Amino acid sequence: MTKHVRIVAISSPQDDGMPYLFDVSIDNDDKIKGHDYTFGLHGKFTGTHVYPFFMDGRGNIDFGSFGSGERMRQTNLHHRVIRVGELFTVKQGHKETSYKITRIDQIHP
């Protein structure tokens, strides 16, 4: 059975501490299902510094014209189990940052 969920993940404070939000579909094994494009946000969700992006089925994140500096990032989220407390990385250029899933909300059954 497919579940549509919203994931919130935060990096450690010594990194940027800015959260990511992903809207994804997960399968019975709690892994991201399929290779469709998904939508997400990065930044402070309560202000002007929020940046929308699309993520493809390989984990490539594209900020488009909203990206500051490098518009592309890459994540290994597609290879991780989607559970609270699970860690994954986001790579921007040569910098790789760890994020922890802190919240998962079901969007609809």
C-alpha atoms as a PDB file:
ATOM      1  CA  MET A   1       0.000   0.000   0.000  1.00  0.00           C
ATOM      2  CA  THR A   2       1.315   3.429  -0.913  1.00  0.00           C
ATOM      3  CA  LYS A   3       1.292   6.226   1.673  1.00  0.00           C
ATOM      4  CA  HIS A   4       1.731   9.883   0.795  1.00  0.00           C
ATOM      5  CA  VAL A   5       3.703  11.638   3.500  1.00  0.00           C
ATOM      6  CA  ARG A   6       5.374  14.930   4.343  1.00  0.00           C
ATOM      7  CA  ILE A   7       8.854  14.562   5.856  1.00  0.00           C
ATOM      8  CA  VAL A   8      10.576  17.248   7.913  1.00  0.00           C
ATOM      9  CA  ALA A   9      14.329  16.876   8.481  1.00  0.00           C
ATOM     10  CA  ILE A  10      16.810  19.141  10.242  1.00  0.00           C
ATOM     11  CA  SER A  11      20.590  19.378  10.142  1.00  0.00           C
ATOM     12  CA  SER A  12      22.705  19.845  13.229  1.00  0.00           C
ATOM     13  CA  PRO A  13      23.070  23.412  14.561  1.00  0.00           C
ATOM     14  CA  GLN A  14      26.780  23.583  13.625  1.00  0.00           C
ATOM     15  CA  ASP A  15      25.685  23.203   9.999  1.00  0.00           C
ATOM     16  CA  ASP A  16      23.011  25.578   8.774  1.00  0.00           C
ATOM     17  CA  GLY A  17      20.266  24.139  11.024  1.00  0.00           C
ATOM     18  CA  MET A  18      17.778  24.830   8.233  1.00  0.00           C
ATOM     19  CA  PRO A  19      15.059  22.219   7.706  1.00  0.00           C
ATOM     20  CA  TYR A  20      14.077  20.378   4.556  1.00  0.00           C
ATOM     21  CA  LEU A  21      10.499  19.396   3.813  1.00  0.00           C
ATOM     22  CA  PHE A  22       9.763  16.632   1.283  1.00  0.00           C
ATOM     23  CA  ASP A  23       6.377  15.413  -0.011  1.00  0.00           C
ATOM     24  CA  VAL A  24       6.905  11.786  -1.069  1.00  0.00           C
ATOM     25  CA  SER A  25       5.104   8.490  -1.592  1.00  0.00           C
ATOM     26  CA  ILE A  26       6.418   5.541   0.413  1.00  0.00           C
ATOM     27  CA  ASP A  27       5.824   1.816   0.029  1.00  0.00           C
ATOM     28  CA  ASN A  28       5.238  -0.962   2.596  1.00  0.00           C
ATOM     29  CA  ASP A  29       8.999  -1.056   3.335  1.00  0.00           C
ATOM     30  CA  ASP A  30       8.969   2.657   4.266  1.00  0.00           C
ATOM     31  CA  LYS A  31      11.119   3.587   1.281  1.00  0.00           C
ATOM     32  CA  ILE A  32      10.401   6.237  -1.327  1.00  0.00           C
ATOM     33  CA  LYS A  33       8.333   4.659  -4.070  1.00  0.00           C
ATOM     34  CA  GLY A  34       8.959   5.136  -7.755  1.00  0.00           C
ATOM     35  CA  HIS A  35      11.085   7.564  -9.657  1.00  0.00           C
ATOM     36  CA  ASP A  36       8.662  10.439 -10.044  1.00  0.00           C
ATOM     37  CA  TYR A  37       9.565  14.026  -9.306  1.00  0.00           C
ATOM     38  CA  THR A  38       8.668  15.174  -5.816  1.00  0.00           C
ATOM     39  CA  PHE A  39       8.260  18.632  -4.341  1.00  0.00           C
ATOM     40  CA  GLY A  40      10.007  20.111  -1.338  1.00  0.00           C
ATOM     41  CA  LEU A  41      11.058  23.227   0.531  1.00  0.00           C
ATOM     42  CA  HIS A  42      14.271  24.268   2.262  1.00  0.00           C
ATOM     43  CA  GLY A  43      14.834  27.152   4.639  1.00  0.00           C
ATOM     44  CA  LYS A  44      12.976  28.980   7.354  1.00  0.00           C
ATOM     45  CA  PHE A  45       9.336  28.111   6.773  1.00  0.00           C
ATOM     46  CA  THR A  46       8.083  31.186   8.609  1.00  0.00           C
ATOM     47  CA  GLY A  47       9.607  33.964   6.566  1.00  0.00           C
ATOM     48  CA  THR A  48      10.942  35.041   3.236  1.00  0.00           C
ATOM     49  CA  HIS A  49      13.879  32.631   3.244  1.00  0.00           C
ATOM     50  CA  VAL A  50      12.118  29.520   1.994  1.00  0.00           C
ATOM     51  CA  TYR A  51      13.250  27.874  -1.232  1.00  0.00           C
ATOM     52  CA  PRO A  52      11.083  25.447  -3.257  1.00  0.00           C
ATOM     53  CA  PHE A  53      12.667  22.603  -5.202  1.00  0.00           C
ATOM     54  CA  PHE A  54      11.965  19.465  -7.212  1.00  0.00           C
ATOM     55  CA  MET A  55      13.708  16.166  -6.490  1.00  0.00           C
ATOM     56  CA  ASP A  56      14.008  13.508  -9.174  1.00  0.00           C
ATOM     57  CA  GLY A  57      13.960   9.743  -8.650  1.00  0.00           C
ATOM     58  CA  ARG A  58      17.737   9.600  -8.213  1.00  0.00           C
ATOM     59  CA  GLY A  59      17.807  12.174  -5.416  1.00  0.00           C
ATOM     60  CA  ASN A  60      18.936  15.160  -7.477  1.00  0.00           C
ATOM     61  CA  ILE A  61      17.493  18.347  -5.986  1.00  0.00           C
ATOM     62  CA  ASP A  62      16.954  21.310  -8.332  1.00  0.00           C
ATOM     63  CA  PHE A  63      16.208  24.737  -6.858  1.00  0.00           C
ATOM     64  CA  GLY A  64      15.833  26.313 -10.300  1.00  0.00           C
ATOM     65  CA  SER A  65      15.973  30.091 -10.217  1.00  0.00           C
ATOM     66  CA  PHE A  66      15.490  30.047  -6.412  1.00  0.00           C
ATOM     67  CA  GLY A  67      18.907  28.481  -5.828  1.00  0.00           C
ATOM     68  CA  SER A  68      21.569  30.720  -4.415  1.00  0.00           C
ATOM     69  CA  GLY A  69      25.012  29.782  -5.713  1.00  0.00           C
ATOM     70  CA  GLU A  70      24.769  26.205  -6.947  1.00  0.00           C
ATOM     71  CA  ARG A  71      21.207  25.365  -7.899  1.00  0.00           C
ATOM     72  CA  MET A  72      21.714  21.578  -7.756  1.00  0.00           C
ATOM     73  CA  ARG A  73      22.156  19.351  -4.707  1.00  0.00           C
ATOM     74  CA  GLN A  74      22.038  15.607  -4.253  1.00  0.00           C
ATOM     75  CA  THR A  75      20.589  13.448  -1.481  1.00  0.00           C
ATOM     76  CA  ASN A  76      20.646   9.758  -0.621  1.00  0.00           C
ATOM     77  CA  LEU A  77      17.106   9.940   0.820  1.00  0.00           C
ATOM     78  CA  HIS A  78      15.855   7.464  -1.830  1.00  0.00           C
ATOM     79  CA  HIS A  79      18.159   4.823  -0.329  1.00  0.00           C
ATOM     80  CA  ARG A  80      17.058   5.332   3.277  1.00  0.00           C
ATOM     81  CA  VAL A  81      14.148   4.046   5.305  1.00  0.00           C
ATOM     82  CA  ILE A  82      11.654   6.856   5.920  1.00  0.00           C
ATOM     83  CA  ARG A  83      11.296   6.870   9.707  1.00  0.00           C
ATOM     84  CA  VAL A  84      11.649   9.465  12.450  1.00  0.00           C
ATOM     85  CA  GLY A  85      15.266   9.492  13.622  1.00  0.00           C
ATOM     86  CA  GLU A  86      16.678   8.165  10.322  1.00  0.00           C
ATOM     87  CA  LEU A  87      19.718  10.030   8.960  1.00  0.00           C
ATOM     88  CA  PHE A  88      20.444  10.947   5.347  1.00  0.00           C
ATOM     89  CA  THR A  89      22.829  13.349   3.618  1.00  0.00           C
ATOM     90  CA  VAL A  90      22.525  16.278   1.241  1.00  0.00           C
ATOM     91  CA  LYS A  91      25.561  17.116  -0.857  1.00  0.00           C
ATOM     92  CA  GLN A  92      26.160  20.590  -2.278  1.00  0.00           C
ATOM     93  CA  GLY A  93      29.370  20.823  -4.260  1.00  0.00           C
ATOM     94  CA  HIS A  94      32.066  19.361  -2.004  1.00  0.00           C
ATOM     95  CA  LYS A  95      30.107  19.865   1.211  1.00  0.00           C
ATOM     96  CA  GLU A  96      28.005  17.017   2.590  1.00  0.00           C
ATOM     97  CA  THR A  97      25.545  17.688   5.438  1.00  0.00           C
ATOM     98  CA  SER A  98      23.680  15.135   7.565  1.00  0.00           C
ATOM     99  CA  TYR A  99      19.982  15.557   8.265  1.00  0.00           C
ATOM    100  CA  LYS A 100      17.720  13.730  10.701  1.00  0.00           C
ATOM    101  CA  ILE A 101      14.071  13.020   9.970  1.00  0.00           C
ATOM    102  CA  THR A 102      12.212  14.679  12.842  1.00  0.00           C
ATOM    103  CA  ARG A 103       8.601  14.443  11.704  1.00  0.00           C
ATOM    104  CA  ILE A 104       6.456  12.463   9.260  1.00  0.00           C
ATOM    105  CA  ASP A 105       2.836  13.406   8.574  1.00  0.00           C
ATOM    106  CA  GLN A 106       0.486  11.415   6.386  1.00  0.00           C
ATOM    107  CA  ILE A 107      -0.900  13.697   3.666  1.00  0.00           C
ATOM    108  CA  HIS A 108      -3.793  11.411   2.739  1.00  0.00           C
ATOM    109  CA  PRO A 109      -4.474   7.648   2.952  1.00  0.00           C
END
